[in-house]
Amino acid sequence: MRVFSTTDVHQVFFNYRGEELRYSFVSHLIDAFERHGIDFFVDKYEQRGKDLKDLFARIEESKIALAIFSARYAESSWCMDELVKMKKLADQRKLQIIPIFYKVNARDVRKQTGEFGENFWTLAKASSGDQIKKWKEALECVSDKMGLSLKDKSSEADFIKEIVKEVKRVIVAIKSEEEEENNLEEKGESLRIAFSMHDCFSIIIKC
């Protein structure tokens, strides 16, 4: 399984509830990404010997993050802390987040209601006020973005195709934006060189 490479330029980070989705939906999504040649990082074991700082570093190395919301997502402080980090990078325009609503209502994620909300508030009881505030802000912000939703009794295979298509679209958009920025930088450098040469020529004439 390709999970991480230092040469990955448009790596996709998976943020999801492992105990719920690791051996079902996420394993099928990983298979699709591998078949389509999409580079990604997925934490297979969550907290087993891992430091959260290591995962934060992987998020920072990524260009895209999938926030895969499910009913049990908010049981995990690990998922929530990753989401806060993702929001921070997205606010700095360093990361594109694609919300994936796996058999959960986007409104329940945004408002922390329903089964999703019950799990969130159970976790919140053992957490600090500042931590809860950051989690709520991240949930509200990310779930408010345009995302993809899988309803009950819908085809997971078709849903995975939609996700692959959307990730590819975002990768193309990122590449296009980066090329545009590089072209602007090159034009700026050319202008600086031209002005510098003009100044030097003016000095020579004066002498």
N, C-alpha and C. Protein backbone atom coordinates (compact mmCIF):
# COMPACT_ATOMS: atom_id res chain seq x y z
N MET A 1 0.84 -1.20 0.00
CA MET A 1 0.00 0.00 0.00
C MET A 1 0.88 1.25 0.00
N ARG A 2 0.60 2.16 -0.94
CA ARG A 2 1.34 3.42 -0.95
C ARG A 2 0.69 4.35 0.05
N VAL A 3 1.43 4.73 1.09
CA VAL A 3 0.85 5.60 2.11
C VAL A 3 1.55 6.95 2.19
N PHE A 4 2.85 6.97 1.87
CA PHE A 4 3.53 8.27 1.98
C PHE A 4 4.85 8.24 1.25
N SER A 5 5.17 9.33 0.59
CA SER A 5 6.46 9.46 -0.08
C SER A 5 6.90 10.90 0.04
N THR A 6 8.19 11.10 0.30
CA THR A 6 8.70 12.46 0.44
C THR A 6 8.61 13.23 -0.86
N THR A 7 8.38 12.52 -1.99
CA THR A 7 8.30 13.20 -3.28
C THR A 7 6.87 13.56 -3.65
N ASP A 8 5.90 13.16 -2.81
CA ASP A 8 4.51 13.47 -3.10
C ASP A 8 4.28 14.97 -3.10
N VAL A 9 3.69 15.47 -4.17
CA VAL A 9 3.45 16.91 -4.28
C VAL A 9 2.00 17.24 -3.93
N HIS A 10 1.10 16.37 -4.33
CA HIS A 10 -0.32 16.62 -4.08
C HIS A 10 -0.91 15.48 -3.26
N GLN A 11 -0.30 15.24 -2.14
CA GLN A 11 -0.72 14.16 -1.25
C GLN A 11 -2.08 14.45 -0.62
N VAL A 12 -2.88 13.40 -0.47
CA VAL A 12 -4.20 13.51 0.15
C VAL A 12 -4.15 12.86 1.54
N PHE A 13 -4.58 13.60 2.55
CA PHE A 13 -4.59 13.08 3.93
C PHE A 13 -5.99 12.60 4.27
N PHE A 14 -6.07 11.39 4.86
CA PHE A 14 -7.35 10.83 5.28
C PHE A 14 -7.59 11.12 6.76
N ASN A 15 -8.67 11.81 7.06
CA ASN A 15 -9.08 12.08 8.45
C ASN A 15 -10.40 11.34 8.66
N TYR A 16 -10.37 10.29 9.50
CA TYR A 16 -11.56 9.44 9.63
C TYR A 16 -11.52 8.66 10.94
N ARG A 17 -12.64 8.06 11.32
CA ARG A 17 -12.75 7.25 12.53
C ARG A 17 -12.37 5.82 12.17
N GLY A 18 -11.15 5.44 12.57
CA GLY A 18 -10.60 4.15 12.16
C GLY A 18 -11.41 2.95 12.61
N GLU A 19 -11.84 2.94 13.87
CA GLU A 19 -12.57 1.78 14.39
C GLU A 19 -13.86 1.52 13.62
N GLU A 20 -14.41 2.55 13.04
CA GLU A 20 -15.68 2.43 12.33
C GLU A 20 -15.50 2.12 10.84
N LEU A 21 -14.49 2.71 10.20
CA LEU A 21 -14.40 2.68 8.74
C LEU A 21 -13.16 2.04 8.15
N ARG A 22 -12.16 1.75 8.99
CA ARG A 22 -10.86 1.31 8.47
C ARG A 22 -10.96 0.09 7.55
N TYR A 23 -11.73 -0.93 7.95
CA TYR A 23 -11.78 -2.18 7.20
C TYR A 23 -12.98 -2.27 6.27
N SER A 24 -13.67 -1.17 6.08
CA SER A 24 -14.83 -1.18 5.18
C SER A 24 -14.67 -0.05 4.15
N PHE A 25 -15.35 1.06 4.38
CA PHE A 25 -15.37 2.15 3.40
C PHE A 25 -13.97 2.67 3.06
N VAL A 26 -13.15 2.93 4.07
CA VAL A 26 -11.83 3.52 3.82
C VAL A 26 -10.93 2.55 3.06
N SER A 27 -11.02 1.26 3.35
CA SER A 27 -10.19 0.29 2.61
C SER A 27 -10.56 0.27 1.13
N HIS A 28 -11.86 0.44 0.82
CA HIS A 28 -12.30 0.49 -0.58
C HIS A 28 -11.84 1.79 -1.24
N LEU A 29 -11.85 2.87 -0.47
CA LEU A 29 -11.41 4.17 -0.99
C LEU A 29 -9.91 4.14 -1.28
N ILE A 30 -9.14 3.52 -0.40
CA ILE A 30 -7.70 3.37 -0.60
C ILE A 30 -7.41 2.59 -1.88
N ASP A 31 -8.16 1.51 -2.08
CA ASP A 31 -7.99 0.69 -3.28
C ASP A 31 -8.24 1.52 -4.54
N ALA A 32 -9.27 2.36 -4.51
CA ALA A 32 -9.59 3.21 -5.66
C ALA A 32 -8.50 4.24 -5.91
N PHE A 33 -7.97 4.82 -4.85
CA PHE A 33 -6.89 5.81 -4.99
C PHE A 33 -5.65 5.15 -5.60
N GLU A 34 -5.33 3.96 -5.15
CA GLU A 34 -4.16 3.26 -5.68
C GLU A 34 -4.33 2.96 -7.16
N ARG A 35 -5.53 2.52 -7.55
CA ARG A 35 -5.79 2.21 -8.96
C ARG A 35 -5.71 3.45 -9.84
N HIS A 36 -6.04 4.61 -9.28
CA HIS A 36 -6.02 5.86 -10.05
C HIS A 36 -4.72 6.63 -9.88
N GLY A 37 -3.77 6.06 -9.14
CA GLY A 37 -2.47 6.71 -8.99
C GLY A 37 -2.48 7.97 -8.16
N ILE A 38 -3.41 8.07 -7.22
CA ILE A 38 -3.50 9.25 -6.35
C ILE A 38 -2.66 9.01 -5.10
N ASP A 39 -1.71 9.88 -4.82
CA ASP A 39 -0.86 9.75 -3.63
C ASP A 39 -1.64 10.16 -2.38
N PHE A 40 -1.42 9.43 -1.31
CA PHE A 40 -2.20 9.70 -0.09
C PHE A 40 -1.43 9.26 1.15
N PHE A 41 -1.88 9.76 2.29
CA PHE A 41 -1.39 9.27 3.59
C PHE A 41 -2.60 8.85 4.40
N VAL A 42 -2.54 7.64 4.94
CA VAL A 42 -3.61 7.17 5.83
C VAL A 42 -2.95 6.55 7.05
N ASP A 43 -3.39 6.99 8.21
CA ASP A 43 -2.87 6.45 9.47
C ASP A 43 -3.63 5.16 9.77
N LYS A 44 -2.96 4.02 9.61
CA LYS A 44 -3.65 2.74 9.72
C LYS A 44 -3.95 2.34 11.16
N TYR A 45 -3.18 2.88 12.10
CA TYR A 45 -3.32 2.38 13.46
C TYR A 45 -3.67 3.44 14.50
N GLU A 46 -3.96 4.65 14.05
CA GLU A 46 -4.29 5.75 14.94
C GLU A 46 -3.27 5.89 16.07
N GLN A 47 -3.67 5.65 17.33
CA GLN A 47 -2.81 6.02 18.45
C GLN A 47 -1.75 4.97 18.81
N ARG A 48 -1.69 3.86 18.08
CA ARG A 48 -0.74 2.82 18.44
C ARG A 48 0.70 3.25 18.18
N GLY A 49 1.35 3.80 19.21
CA GLY A 49 2.74 4.21 19.09
C GLY A 49 2.96 5.49 18.31
N LYS A 50 1.90 6.14 17.93
CA LYS A 50 2.03 7.37 17.14
C LYS A 50 1.94 8.60 18.04
N ASP A 51 2.64 9.65 17.62
CA ASP A 51 2.54 10.94 18.28
C ASP A 51 1.69 11.83 17.39
N LEU A 52 0.80 12.61 18.00
CA LEU A 52 -0.07 13.48 17.21
C LEU A 52 0.74 14.46 16.36
N LYS A 53 1.93 14.84 16.85
CA LYS A 53 2.78 15.75 16.09
C LYS A 53 3.19 15.12 14.76
N ASP A 54 3.38 13.79 14.75
CA ASP A 54 3.73 13.10 13.51
C ASP A 54 2.61 13.23 12.50
N LEU A 55 1.37 13.09 12.96
CA LEU A 55 0.23 13.21 12.06
C LEU A 55 0.05 14.65 11.60
N PHE A 56 0.31 15.61 12.48
CA PHE A 56 0.24 17.02 12.09
C PHE A 56 1.24 17.30 10.96
N ALA A 57 2.42 16.69 11.06
CA ALA A 57 3.44 16.87 10.02
C ALA A 57 2.95 16.30 8.69
N ARG A 58 2.26 15.17 8.75
CA ARG A 58 1.71 14.57 7.53
C ARG A 58 0.62 15.44 6.92
N ILE A 59 -0.17 16.07 7.78
CA ILE A 59 -1.21 16.99 7.28
C ILE A 59 -0.54 18.18 6.58
N GLU A 60 0.51 18.71 7.19
CA GLU A 60 1.22 19.86 6.62
C GLU A 60 1.86 19.51 5.28
N GLU A 61 2.24 18.24 5.10
CA GLU A 61 2.86 17.80 3.85
C GLU A 61 1.83 17.55 2.75
N SER A 62 0.56 17.61 3.10
CA SER A 62 -0.51 17.31 2.15
C SER A 62 -1.07 18.59 1.53
N LYS A 63 -1.63 18.43 0.35
CA LYS A 63 -2.30 19.54 -0.33
C LYS A 63 -3.81 19.47 -0.17
N ILE A 64 -4.29 18.23 0.05
CA ILE A 64 -5.73 17.99 0.15
C ILE A 64 -5.99 17.11 1.37
N ALA A 65 -7.10 17.33 2.05
CA ALA A 65 -7.49 16.46 3.16
C ALA A 65 -8.95 16.06 2.99
N LEU A 66 -9.22 14.78 3.20
CA LEU A 66 -10.60 14.30 3.22
C LEU A 66 -11.05 14.21 4.66
N ALA A 67 -12.04 15.00 5.04
CA ALA A 67 -12.63 14.91 6.38
C ALA A 67 -13.84 13.99 6.25
N ILE A 68 -13.65 12.72 6.63
CA ILE A 68 -14.70 11.72 6.43
C ILE A 68 -15.55 11.62 7.69
N PHE A 69 -16.64 12.36 7.70
CA PHE A 69 -17.52 12.39 8.87
C PHE A 69 -18.45 11.17 8.86
N SER A 70 -18.52 10.50 10.00
CA SER A 70 -19.41 9.35 10.17
C SER A 70 -20.04 9.47 11.56
N ALA A 71 -20.97 8.58 11.87
CA ALA A 71 -21.68 8.68 13.14
C ALA A 71 -20.75 8.67 14.34
N ARG A 72 -19.67 7.85 14.28
CA ARG A 72 -18.78 7.70 15.42
C ARG A 72 -17.53 8.59 15.33
N TYR A 73 -17.45 9.43 14.33
CA TYR A 73 -16.29 10.31 14.13
C TYR A 73 -15.95 11.09 15.39
N ALA A 74 -16.96 11.69 16.00
CA ALA A 74 -16.74 12.59 17.13
C ALA A 74 -16.47 11.87 18.44
N GLU A 75 -16.37 10.55 18.41
CA GLU A 75 -15.94 9.81 19.60
C GLU A 75 -14.45 10.03 19.86
N SER A 76 -13.72 10.38 18.80
CA SER A 76 -12.26 10.40 18.85
C SER A 76 -11.69 11.81 18.96
N SER A 77 -10.98 12.08 20.06
CA SER A 77 -10.30 13.37 20.19
C SER A 77 -9.20 13.48 19.13
N TRP A 78 -8.67 12.32 18.73
CA TRP A 78 -7.64 12.25 17.68
C TRP A 78 -8.20 12.85 16.38
N CYS A 79 -9.38 12.40 15.97
CA CYS A 79 -10.03 12.93 14.76
C CYS A 79 -10.28 14.42 14.89
N MET A 80 -10.77 14.83 16.06
CA MET A 80 -11.13 16.23 16.26
C MET A 80 -9.90 17.14 16.24
N ASP A 81 -8.80 16.70 16.85
CA ASP A 81 -7.58 17.51 16.85
C ASP A 81 -6.98 17.62 15.46
N GLU A 82 -7.06 16.53 14.69
CA GLU A 82 -6.62 16.59 13.29
C GLU A 82 -7.45 17.61 12.52
N LEU A 83 -8.75 17.61 12.76
CA LEU A 83 -9.65 18.53 12.06
C LEU A 83 -9.33 19.99 12.38
N VAL A 84 -9.00 20.27 13.63
CA VAL A 84 -8.61 21.63 14.03
C VAL A 84 -7.35 22.05 13.27
N LYS A 85 -6.39 21.14 13.17
CA LYS A 85 -5.15 21.42 12.43
C LYS A 85 -5.47 21.67 10.96
N MET A 86 -6.33 20.85 10.40
CA MET A 86 -6.71 21.00 8.99
C MET A 86 -7.37 22.34 8.74
N LYS A 87 -8.27 22.76 9.64
CA LYS A 87 -8.93 24.05 9.49
C LYS A 87 -7.92 25.19 9.52
N LYS A 88 -6.96 25.10 10.43
CA LYS A 88 -5.94 26.15 10.54
C LYS A 88 -5.17 26.30 9.23
N LEU A 89 -4.77 25.18 8.63
CA LEU A 89 -4.03 25.22 7.37
C LEU A 89 -4.91 25.70 6.23
N ALA A 90 -6.19 25.31 6.25
CA ALA A 90 -7.12 25.76 5.22
C ALA A 90 -7.32 27.28 5.30
N ASP A 91 -7.39 27.80 6.52
CA ASP A 91 -7.53 29.25 6.72
C ASP A 91 -6.33 30.00 6.16
N GLN A 92 -5.17 29.33 6.17
CA GLN A 92 -3.93 29.93 5.64
C GLN A 92 -3.75 29.63 4.15
N ARG A 93 -4.77 29.01 3.55
CA ARG A 93 -4.75 28.64 2.12
C ARG A 93 -3.62 27.66 1.79
N LYS A 94 -3.28 26.82 2.74
CA LYS A 94 -2.23 25.83 2.53
C LYS A 94 -2.79 24.42 2.33
N LEU A 95 -4.12 24.29 2.49
CA LEU A 95 -4.74 22.97 2.41
C LEU A 95 -6.17 23.11 1.89
N GLN A 96 -6.55 22.19 1.03
CA GLN A 96 -7.93 22.12 0.54
C GLN A 96 -8.63 20.97 1.27
N ILE A 97 -9.75 21.26 1.93
CA ILE A 97 -10.48 20.22 2.65
C ILE A 97 -11.74 19.85 1.88
N ILE A 98 -11.93 18.54 1.68
CA ILE A 98 -13.15 18.04 1.05
C ILE A 98 -13.94 17.28 2.11
N PRO A 99 -15.09 17.79 2.55
CA PRO A 99 -15.89 17.07 3.54
C PRO A 99 -16.61 15.88 2.88
N ILE A 100 -16.55 14.73 3.52
CA ILE A 100 -17.24 13.54 3.07
C ILE A 100 -18.22 13.14 4.18
N PHE A 101 -19.49 13.12 3.87
CA PHE A 101 -20.49 12.78 4.88
C PHE A 101 -20.95 11.34 4.64
N TYR A 102 -20.39 10.44 5.46
CA TYR A 102 -20.66 9.01 5.29
C TYR A 102 -21.85 8.60 6.17
N LYS A 103 -23.01 8.52 5.54
CA LYS A 103 -24.24 8.12 6.23
C LYS A 103 -24.50 8.96 7.48
N VAL A 104 -24.18 10.25 7.37
CA VAL A 104 -24.44 11.20 8.45
C VAL A 104 -24.88 12.51 7.81
N ASN A 105 -25.78 13.21 8.46
CA ASN A 105 -26.31 14.46 7.93
C ASN A 105 -25.34 15.61 8.19
N ALA A 106 -25.09 16.41 7.16
CA ALA A 106 -24.17 17.54 7.30
C ALA A 106 -24.64 18.49 8.40
N ARG A 107 -25.93 18.65 8.54
CA ARG A 107 -26.47 19.54 9.57
C ARG A 107 -26.14 19.02 10.97
N ASP A 108 -26.20 17.70 11.16
CA ASP A 108 -25.86 17.11 12.46
C ASP A 108 -24.40 17.35 12.81
N VAL A 109 -23.54 17.32 11.79
CA VAL A 109 -22.12 17.60 12.02
C VAL A 109 -21.94 19.07 12.38
N ARG A 110 -22.58 19.93 11.62
CA ARG A 110 -22.44 21.37 11.83
C ARG A 110 -23.01 21.82 13.17
N LYS A 111 -24.15 21.25 13.57
CA LYS A 111 -24.83 21.67 14.80
C LYS A 111 -24.56 20.74 15.99
N GLN A 112 -23.82 19.65 15.75
CA GLN A 112 -23.55 18.64 16.78
C GLN A 112 -24.85 18.10 17.37
N THR A 113 -25.70 17.60 16.48
CA THR A 113 -26.98 17.02 16.88
C THR A 113 -27.06 15.57 16.39
N GLY A 114 -28.16 14.91 16.71
CA GLY A 114 -28.35 13.52 16.29
C GLY A 114 -27.33 12.60 16.94
N GLU A 115 -27.12 11.43 16.34
CA GLU A 115 -26.15 10.46 16.90
C GLU A 115 -24.74 11.04 16.90
N PHE A 116 -24.42 11.80 15.84
CA PHE A 116 -23.11 12.45 15.77
C PHE A 116 -22.94 13.38 16.97
N GLY A 117 -23.95 14.18 17.24
CA GLY A 117 -23.90 15.13 18.35
C GLY A 117 -23.79 14.45 19.70
N GLU A 118 -24.51 13.33 19.87
CA GLU A 118 -24.44 12.59 21.13
C GLU A 118 -23.01 12.14 21.41
N ASN A 119 -22.35 11.63 20.39
CA ASN A 119 -20.95 11.19 20.56
C ASN A 119 -20.03 12.36 20.83
N PHE A 120 -20.30 13.49 20.16
CA PHE A 120 -19.47 14.68 20.38
C PHE A 120 -19.58 15.16 21.83
N TRP A 121 -20.80 15.27 22.34
CA TRP A 121 -20.98 15.81 23.68
C TRP A 121 -20.52 14.83 24.76
N THR A 122 -20.51 13.55 24.46
CA THR A 122 -19.93 12.57 25.38
C THR A 122 -18.43 12.79 25.49
N LEU A 123 -17.80 13.02 24.35
CA LEU A 123 -16.36 13.32 24.35
C LEU A 123 -16.09 14.65 25.04
N ALA A 124 -16.95 15.62 24.82
CA ALA A 124 -16.75 16.96 25.38
C ALA A 124 -16.75 16.96 26.90
N LYS A 125 -17.51 16.02 27.52
CA LYS A 125 -17.58 15.96 28.98
C LYS A 125 -16.20 15.72 29.61
N ALA A 126 -15.33 15.07 28.87
CA ALA A 126 -13.99 14.77 29.40
C ALA A 126 -12.93 15.71 28.83
N SER A 127 -13.37 16.84 28.26
CA SER A 127 -12.45 17.76 27.59
C SER A 127 -12.55 19.16 28.17
N SER A 128 -11.57 19.99 27.84
CA SER A 128 -11.53 21.36 28.35
C SER A 128 -12.40 22.28 27.51
N GLY A 129 -12.78 23.41 28.10
CA GLY A 129 -13.62 24.39 27.40
C GLY A 129 -12.98 24.92 26.14
N ASP A 130 -11.68 25.23 26.19
CA ASP A 130 -10.98 25.77 25.02
C ASP A 130 -10.91 24.74 23.90
N GLN A 131 -10.68 23.49 24.29
CA GLN A 131 -10.61 22.41 23.32
C GLN A 131 -11.96 22.22 22.62
N ILE A 132 -13.04 22.24 23.40
CA ILE A 132 -14.39 22.08 22.85
C ILE A 132 -14.71 23.22 21.87
N LYS A 133 -14.31 24.43 22.23
CA LYS A 133 -14.55 25.60 21.37
C LYS A 133 -13.87 25.42 20.01
N LYS A 134 -12.61 24.96 20.02
CA LYS A 134 -11.87 24.75 18.78
C LYS A 134 -12.50 23.65 17.94
N TRP A 135 -12.92 22.57 18.62
CA TRP A 135 -13.57 21.47 17.91
C TRP A 135 -14.85 21.93 17.22
N LYS A 136 -15.68 22.68 17.96
CA LYS A 136 -16.95 23.16 17.41
C LYS A 136 -16.71 24.09 16.21
N GLU A 137 -15.75 24.98 16.33
CA GLU A 137 -15.43 25.89 15.24
C GLU A 137 -14.99 25.12 14.00
N ALA A 138 -14.16 24.09 14.20
CA ALA A 138 -13.67 23.29 13.08
C ALA A 138 -14.82 22.51 12.43
N LEU A 139 -15.68 21.92 13.24
CA LEU A 139 -16.83 21.18 12.70
C LEU A 139 -17.75 22.09 11.90
N GLU A 140 -18.04 23.25 12.45
CA GLU A 140 -18.95 24.19 11.78
C GLU A 140 -18.36 24.70 10.48
N CYS A 141 -17.06 25.03 10.50
CA CYS A 141 -16.40 25.58 9.32
C CYS A 141 -16.28 24.54 8.20
N VAL A 142 -15.77 23.37 8.54
CA VAL A 142 -15.51 22.34 7.52
C VAL A 142 -16.80 21.76 6.97
N SER A 143 -17.78 21.51 7.83
CA SER A 143 -19.03 20.92 7.36
C SER A 143 -19.84 21.89 6.52
N ASP A 144 -19.49 23.17 6.58
CA ASP A 144 -20.20 24.19 5.80
C ASP A 144 -19.66 24.29 4.37
N LYS A 145 -18.54 23.62 4.09
CA LYS A 145 -17.96 23.62 2.75
C LYS A 145 -18.75 22.67 1.85
N MET A 146 -18.63 22.86 0.55
CA MET A 146 -19.25 21.95 -0.40
C MET A 146 -18.59 20.58 -0.26
N GLY A 147 -19.41 19.57 -0.02
CA GLY A 147 -18.85 18.24 0.16
C GLY A 147 -19.66 17.19 -0.59
N LEU A 148 -19.38 15.92 -0.28
CA LEU A 148 -20.06 14.80 -0.91
C LEU A 148 -20.75 13.98 0.18
N SER A 149 -21.97 13.53 -0.10
CA SER A 149 -22.75 12.81 0.92
C SER A 149 -23.19 11.45 0.43
N LEU A 150 -23.07 10.46 1.30
CA LEU A 150 -23.60 9.12 1.05
C LEU A 150 -24.76 8.87 1.99
N LYS A 151 -25.92 8.62 1.42
CA LYS A 151 -27.10 8.34 2.23
C LYS A 151 -27.22 6.83 2.45
N ASP A 152 -28.05 6.45 3.40
CA ASP A 152 -28.34 5.04 3.62
C ASP A 152 -28.94 4.43 2.35
N LYS A 153 -28.56 3.19 2.06
CA LYS A 153 -29.07 2.43 0.91
C LYS A 153 -28.59 3.00 -0.42
N SER A 154 -27.57 3.87 -0.39
CA SER A 154 -26.96 4.37 -1.62
C SER A 154 -25.76 3.49 -1.98
N SER A 155 -25.31 3.56 -3.22
CA SER A 155 -24.20 2.74 -3.68
C SER A 155 -22.85 3.31 -3.22
N GLU A 156 -22.12 2.54 -2.42
CA GLU A 156 -20.79 2.99 -1.99
C GLU A 156 -19.82 3.02 -3.17
N ALA A 157 -19.97 2.08 -4.09
CA ALA A 157 -19.08 2.04 -5.26
C ALA A 157 -19.20 3.32 -6.08
N ASP A 158 -20.44 3.75 -6.32
CA ASP A 158 -20.65 5.00 -7.07
C ASP A 158 -20.15 6.20 -6.29
N PHE A 159 -20.33 6.16 -4.96
CA PHE A 159 -19.89 7.26 -4.11
C PHE A 159 -18.37 7.40 -4.15
N ILE A 160 -17.67 6.28 -4.13
CA ILE A 160 -16.21 6.31 -4.20
C ILE A 160 -15.75 6.87 -5.55
N LYS A 161 -16.46 6.55 -6.61
CA LYS A 161 -16.13 7.12 -7.92
C LYS A 161 -16.27 8.64 -7.90
N GLU A 162 -17.32 9.11 -7.22
CA GLU A 162 -17.53 10.57 -7.08
C GLU A 162 -16.36 11.22 -6.35
N ILE A 163 -15.91 10.56 -5.27
CA ILE A 163 -14.81 11.11 -4.47
C ILE A 163 -13.53 11.18 -5.31
N VAL A 164 -13.23 10.11 -6.02
CA VAL A 164 -12.03 10.07 -6.88
C VAL A 164 -12.10 11.19 -7.92
N LYS A 165 -13.26 11.36 -8.53
CA LYS A 165 -13.44 12.41 -9.54
C LYS A 165 -13.22 13.80 -8.94
N GLU A 166 -13.75 14.03 -7.74
CA GLU A 166 -13.60 15.33 -7.08
C GLU A 166 -12.15 15.60 -6.68
N VAL A 167 -11.48 14.57 -6.16
CA VAL A 167 -10.07 14.73 -5.76
C VAL A 167 -9.22 15.07 -6.99
N LYS A 168 -9.47 14.38 -8.08
CA LYS A 168 -8.72 14.67 -9.32
C LYS A 168 -8.97 16.10 -9.78
N ARG A 169 -10.23 16.54 -9.67
CA ARG A 169 -10.57 17.91 -10.07
C ARG A 169 -9.81 18.93 -9.22
N VAL A 170 -9.75 18.69 -7.92
CA VAL A 170 -9.06 19.61 -7.01
C VAL A 170 -7.55 19.60 -7.29
N ILE A 171 -6.99 18.43 -7.57
CA ILE A 171 -5.56 18.34 -7.90
C ILE A 171 -5.24 19.18 -9.13
N VAL A 172 -6.07 19.07 -10.16
CA VAL A 172 -5.86 19.86 -11.38
C VAL A 172 -5.96 21.36 -11.08
N ALA A 173 -6.93 21.74 -10.25
CA ALA A 173 -7.10 23.15 -9.88
C ALA A 173 -5.89 23.67 -9.11
N ILE A 174 -5.36 22.85 -8.20
CA ILE A 174 -4.18 23.25 -7.42
C ILE A 174 -2.98 23.43 -8.33
N LYS A 175 -2.77 22.48 -9.25
CA LYS A 175 -1.65 22.57 -10.19
C LYS A 175 -1.75 23.82 -11.04
N SER A 176 -2.96 24.12 -11.50
CA SER A 176 -3.18 25.30 -12.34
C SER A 176 -2.86 26.58 -11.56
N GLU A 177 -3.30 26.62 -10.30
CA GLU A 177 -3.05 27.79 -9.45
C GLU A 177 -1.56 27.96 -9.18
N GLU A 178 -0.87 26.83 -8.94
CA GLU A 178 0.57 26.89 -8.68
C GLU A 178 1.33 27.37 -9.91
N GLU A 179 0.93 26.89 -11.10
CA GLU A 179 1.58 27.32 -12.34
C GLU A 179 1.39 28.81 -12.57
N GLU A 180 0.17 29.29 -12.25
CA GLU A 180 -0.12 30.72 -12.41
C GLU A 180 0.74 31.56 -11.47
N GLU A 181 0.88 31.08 -10.22
CA GLU A 181 1.71 31.79 -9.25
C GLU A 181 3.17 31.81 -9.69
N ASN A 182 3.65 30.67 -10.23
CA ASN A 182 5.04 30.59 -10.70
C ASN A 182 5.28 31.54 -11.87
N ASN A 183 4.29 31.63 -12.77
CA ASN A 183 4.41 32.54 -13.92
C ASN A 183 4.48 33.99 -13.46
N LEU A 184 3.66 34.33 -12.45
CA LEU A 184 3.68 35.69 -11.93
C LEU A 184 5.02 36.01 -11.27
N GLU A 185 5.57 35.02 -10.55
CA GLU A 185 6.88 35.21 -9.91
C GLU A 185 7.97 35.41 -10.96
N GLU A 186 7.91 34.63 -12.04
CA GLU A 186 8.90 34.74 -13.11
C GLU A 186 8.81 36.10 -13.80
N LYS A 187 7.57 36.56 -14.02
CA LYS A 187 7.39 37.89 -14.63
C LYS A 187 7.93 38.98 -13.72
N GLY A 188 7.67 38.82 -12.41
CA GLY A 188 8.16 39.80 -11.45
C GLY A 188 9.67 39.84 -11.42
N GLU A 189 10.30 38.66 -11.49
CA GLU A 189 11.76 38.59 -11.49
C GLU A 189 12.33 39.21 -12.76
N SER A 190 11.66 38.97 -13.89
CA SER A 190 12.11 39.56 -15.16
C SER A 190 12.05 41.08 -15.11
N LEU A 191 10.98 41.60 -14.50
CA LEU A 191 10.84 43.06 -14.38
C LEU A 191 11.91 43.64 -13.47
N ARG A 192 12.23 42.92 -12.37
CA ARG A 192 13.27 43.40 -11.45
C ARG A 192 14.63 43.45 -12.15
N ILE A 193 14.90 42.42 -12.94
CA ILE A 193 16.17 42.39 -13.69
C ILE A 193 16.22 43.52 -14.70
N ALA A 194 15.09 43.75 -15.40
CA ALA A 194 15.03 44.81 -16.40
C ALA A 194 15.26 46.18 -15.77
N PHE A 195 14.61 46.44 -14.64
CA PHE A 195 14.78 47.72 -13.95
C PHE A 195 16.21 47.87 -13.46
N SER A 196 16.80 46.78 -12.97
CA SER A 196 18.18 46.82 -12.47
C SER A 196 19.14 47.16 -13.61
N MET A 197 18.94 46.53 -14.77
CA MET A 197 19.80 46.81 -15.93
C MET A 197 19.63 48.25 -16.40
N HIS A 198 18.38 48.73 -16.33
CA HIS A 198 18.11 50.12 -16.73
C HIS A 198 18.83 51.09 -15.82
N ASP A 199 18.82 50.81 -14.50
CA ASP A 199 19.49 51.68 -13.54
C ASP A 199 21.00 51.69 -13.79
N CYS A 200 21.56 50.51 -14.06
CA CYS A 200 23.00 50.40 -14.30
C CYS A 200 23.38 51.17 -15.57
N PHE A 201 22.55 51.05 -16.62
CA PHE A 201 22.80 51.75 -17.89
C PHE A 201 22.75 53.25 -17.69
N SER A 202 21.80 53.71 -16.86
CA SER A 202 21.67 55.14 -16.58
C SER A 202 22.92 55.66 -15.89
N ILE A 203 23.46 54.87 -14.95
CA ILE A 203 24.67 55.28 -14.22
C ILE A 203 25.86 55.38 -15.16
N ILE A 204 25.97 54.43 -16.10
CA ILE A 204 27.09 54.43 -17.05
C ILE A 204 27.05 55.67 -17.93
N ILE A 205 25.84 56.03 -18.40
CA ILE A 205 25.69 57.21 -19.26
C ILE A 205 26.09 58.47 -18.51
N LYS A 206 25.65 58.55 -17.24
CA LYS A 206 25.97 59.74 -16.43
C LYS A 206 27.48 59.87 -16.23
N CYS A 207 28.15 58.75 -16.06
CA CYS A 207 29.60 58.77 -15.89
C CYS A 207 30.30 59.23 -17.16
